């Protein structure tokens, strides 16, 4: 029972940081698989079933732009932050740093 609760709560924590993590890696043009590998290498594994719908949603919201490119004969969709996405990344980064500092203070006190 406790393990189930932990898993659900951990999933909620991760869900809260996935958008910021994805945006942080799209300052330059990347395709989905490359982005996923970058997140994994930096310690944030993400399922394809989570990543690709998120990319489409962020693009629909105007946060990302995308383009199709053919490299090695394989068409790939590349994503990059739009101007709005760059502004959003700056704002979310500021919020994250404030929350991270507050949580550090709270957790040190316990």
C-alpha atoms as a PDB file:
ATOM      1  CA  UNK A   1       0.000   0.000   0.000  1.00  0.00           C
ATOM      2  CA  UNK A   2       2.761   2.471   0.946  1.00  0.00           C
ATOM      3  CA  UNK A   3       4.671   1.528  -2.208  1.00  0.00           C
ATOM      4  CA  UNK A   4       1.609   2.300  -4.355  1.00  0.00           C
ATOM      5  CA  UNK A   5       1.223   5.682  -2.677  1.00  0.00           C
ATOM      6  CA  UNK A   6       4.917   6.432  -3.200  1.00  0.00           C
ATOM      7  CA  UNK A   7       4.727   5.501  -6.880  1.00  0.00           C
ATOM      8  CA  UNK A   8       1.729   7.769  -7.451  1.00  0.00           C
ATOM      9  CA  UNK A   9       3.264  10.691  -5.579  1.00  0.00           C
ATOM     10  CA  UNK A  10       6.589  10.272  -7.350  1.00  0.00           C
ATOM     11  CA  UNK A  11       4.754  10.285 -10.675  1.00  0.00           C
ATOM     12  CA  UNK A  12       3.032  13.548  -9.705  1.00  0.00           C
ATOM     13  CA  UNK A  13       6.387  15.127  -8.814  1.00  0.00           C
ATOM     14  CA  UNK A  14       7.889  14.052 -12.141  1.00  0.00           C
ATOM     15  CA  UNK A  15       4.878  15.286 -14.104  1.00  0.00           C
ATOM     16  CA  UNK A  16       5.466  18.724 -12.639  1.00  0.00           C
ATOM     17  CA  UNK A  17       9.010  18.980 -13.962  1.00  0.00           C
ATOM     18  CA  UNK A  18       8.731  17.253 -17.348  1.00  0.00           C
ATOM     19  CA  UNK A  19       7.626  20.393 -19.213  1.00  0.00           C
ATOM     20  CA  UNK A  20      10.524  22.425 -17.831  1.00  0.00           C
ATOM     21  CA  UNK A  21      12.959  19.602 -18.583  1.00  0.00           C
ATOM     22  CA  UNK A  22      11.752  19.316 -22.195  1.00  0.00           C
ATOM     23  CA  UNK A  23      11.851  23.065 -22.761  1.00  0.00           C
ATOM     24  CA  UNK A  24      15.374  23.255 -21.344  1.00  0.00           C
ATOM     25  CA  UNK A  25      16.604  20.847 -24.014  1.00  0.00           C
ATOM     26  CA  UNK A  26      14.952  22.571 -26.973  1.00  0.00           C
ATOM     27  CA  UNK A  27      17.036  25.720 -27.180  1.00  0.00           C
ATOM     28  CA  UNK A  28      18.413  24.099 -30.323  1.00  0.00           C
ATOM     29  CA  UNK A  29      16.665  22.029 -32.983  1.00  0.00           C
ATOM     30  CA  UNK A  30      16.177  18.388 -31.903  1.00  0.00           C
ATOM     31  CA  UNK A  31      14.039  15.506 -33.009  1.00  0.00           C
ATOM     32  CA  UNK A  32      12.042  13.420 -30.556  1.00  0.00           C
ATOM     33  CA  UNK A  33      14.377  10.459 -30.144  1.00  0.00           C
ATOM     34  CA  UNK A  34      17.408  12.739 -29.720  1.00  0.00           C
ATOM     35  CA  UNK A  35      15.506  14.780 -27.118  1.00  0.00           C
ATOM     36  CA  UNK A  36      14.449  11.637 -25.258  1.00  0.00           C
ATOM     37  CA  UNK A  37      18.061  10.374 -25.185  1.00  0.00           C
ATOM     38  CA  UNK A  38      19.279  13.732 -23.887  1.00  0.00           C
ATOM     39  CA  UNK A  39      16.754  13.631 -21.044  1.00  0.00           C
ATOM     40  CA  UNK A  40      17.698  10.040 -20.187  1.00  0.00           C
ATOM     41  CA  UNK A  41      21.420  10.865 -20.173  1.00  0.00           C
ATOM     42  CA  UNK A  42      20.760  13.751 -17.791  1.00  0.00           C
ATOM     43  CA  UNK A  43      18.819  11.534 -15.376  1.00  0.00           C
ATOM     44  CA  UNK A  44      15.210  12.095 -16.423  1.00  0.00           C
ATOM     45  CA  UNK A  45      13.902   9.055 -18.280  1.00  0.00           C
ATOM     46  CA  UNK A  46      10.674   9.737 -20.156  1.00  0.00           C
ATOM     47  CA  UNK A  47       8.422   7.349 -22.021  1.00  0.00           C
ATOM     48  CA  UNK A  48       7.721   7.927 -25.705  1.00  0.00           C
ATOM     49  CA  UNK A  49       4.014   7.844 -24.882  1.00  0.00           C
ATOM     50  CA  UNK A  50       4.550  10.845 -22.629  1.00  0.00           C
ATOM     51  CA  UNK A  51       7.038  12.783 -24.733  1.00  0.00           C
ATOM     52  CA  UNK A  52       5.399  12.871 -28.157  1.00  0.00           C
ATOM     53  CA  UNK A  53       1.938  13.992 -26.995  1.00  0.00           C
ATOM     54  CA  UNK A  54       3.652  16.651 -24.860  1.00  0.00           C
ATOM     55  CA  UNK A  55       5.619  17.936 -27.865  1.00  0.00           C
ATOM     56  CA  UNK A  56       2.440  18.163 -29.960  1.00  0.00           C
ATOM     57  CA  UNK A  57       0.584  19.946 -27.160  1.00  0.00           C
ATOM     58  CA  UNK A  58       3.382  22.464 -26.619  1.00  0.00           C
ATOM     59  CA  UNK A  59       3.530  23.137 -30.341  1.00  0.00           C
ATOM     60  CA  UNK A  60      -0.251  23.665 -30.458  1.00  0.00           C
ATOM     61  CA  UNK A  61       0.138  26.153 -27.594  1.00  0.00           C
ATOM     62  CA  UNK A  62       2.749  28.093 -29.578  1.00  0.00           C
ATOM     63  CA  UNK A  63       5.604  27.211 -27.229  1.00  0.00           C
ATOM     64  CA  UNK A  64       7.457  25.114 -29.811  1.00  0.00           C
ATOM     65  CA  UNK A  65       7.937  25.295 -33.537  1.00  0.00           C
ATOM     66  CA  UNK A  66       8.719  22.268 -35.650  1.00  0.00           C
ATOM     67  CA  UNK A  67       9.925  21.377 -39.098  1.00  0.00           C
ATOM     68  CA  UNK A  68      10.378  18.189 -41.055  1.00  0.00           C
ATOM     69  CA  UNK A  69      13.874  17.326 -42.227  1.00  0.00           C
ATOM     70  CA  UNK A  70      15.168  14.363 -44.150  1.00  0.00           C
ATOM     71  CA  UNK A  71      18.495  13.121 -42.895  1.00  0.00           C
ATOM     72  CA  UNK A  72      19.866   9.782 -44.113  1.00  0.00           C
ATOM     73  CA  UNK A  73      16.621   9.308 -46.034  1.00  0.00           C
ATOM     74  CA  UNK A  74      14.540   9.281 -42.834  1.00  0.00           C
ATOM     75  CA  UNK A  75      12.021  12.088 -42.385  1.00  0.00           C
ATOM     76  CA  UNK A  76      12.196  13.450 -38.838  1.00  0.00           C
ATOM     77  CA  UNK A  77      10.270  16.168 -37.114  1.00  0.00           C
ATOM     78  CA  UNK A  78      12.578  18.607 -35.363  1.00  0.00           C
ATOM     79  CA  UNK A  79      11.395  20.838 -32.520  1.00  0.00           C
ATOM     80  CA  UNK A  80      12.738  24.087 -31.149  1.00  0.00           C
ATOM     81  CA  UNK A  81      11.534  26.726 -28.715  1.00  0.00           C
ATOM     82  CA  UNK A  82       9.542  29.533 -30.291  1.00  0.00           C
ATOM     83  CA  UNK A  83      10.020  33.082 -28.988  1.00  0.00           C
ATOM     84  CA  UNK A  84       7.061  32.458 -26.686  1.00  0.00           C
ATOM     85  CA  UNK A  85       8.711  29.213 -25.579  1.00  0.00           C
ATOM     86  CA  UNK A  86      11.939  31.028 -24.734  1.00  0.00           C
ATOM     87  CA  UNK A  87      10.006  33.507 -22.581  1.00  0.00           C
ATOM     88  CA  UNK A  88       8.136  30.640 -20.914  1.00  0.00           C
ATOM     89  CA  UNK A  89      11.391  28.784 -20.219  1.00  0.00           C
ATOM     90  CA  UNK A  90      12.871  31.866 -18.522  1.00  0.00           C
ATOM     91  CA  UNK A  91       9.772  32.314 -16.359  1.00  0.00           C
ATOM     92  CA  UNK A  92       9.495  28.638 -15.422  1.00  0.00           C
ATOM     93  CA  UNK A  93      13.216  28.500 -14.658  1.00  0.00           C
ATOM     94  CA  UNK A  94      12.806  31.399 -12.234  1.00  0.00           C
ATOM     95  CA  UNK A  95       9.835  29.702 -10.592  1.00  0.00           C
ATOM     96  CA  UNK A  96      11.737  26.408 -10.385  1.00  0.00           C
ATOM     97  CA  UNK A  97      14.726  28.040  -8.716  1.00  0.00           C
ATOM     98  CA  UNK A  98      12.492  29.723  -6.151  1.00  0.00           C
ATOM     99  CA  UNK A  99      10.635  26.497  -5.404  1.00  0.00           C
ATOM    100  CA  UNK A 100      13.855  24.521  -5.253  1.00  0.00           C
ATOM    101  CA  UNK A 101      15.324  26.965  -2.733  1.00  0.00           C
ATOM    102  CA  UNK A 102      12.147  26.912  -0.626  1.00  0.00           C
ATOM    103  CA  UNK A 103      12.034  23.102  -0.650  1.00  0.00           C
ATOM    104  CA  UNK A 104      15.711  22.963   0.292  1.00  0.00           C
ATOM    105  CA  UNK A 105      14.967  25.166   3.286  1.00  0.00           C
ATOM    106  CA  UNK A 106      11.910  23.128   4.257  1.00  0.00           C
ATOM    107  CA  UNK A 107      13.654  19.786   3.953  1.00  0.00           C
ATOM    108  CA  UNK A 108      16.714  20.950   5.920  1.00  0.00           C
ATOM    109  CA  UNK A 109      14.415  21.955   8.779  1.00  0.00           C
ATOM    110  CA  UNK A 110      12.879  18.471   9.033  1.00  0.00           C
END
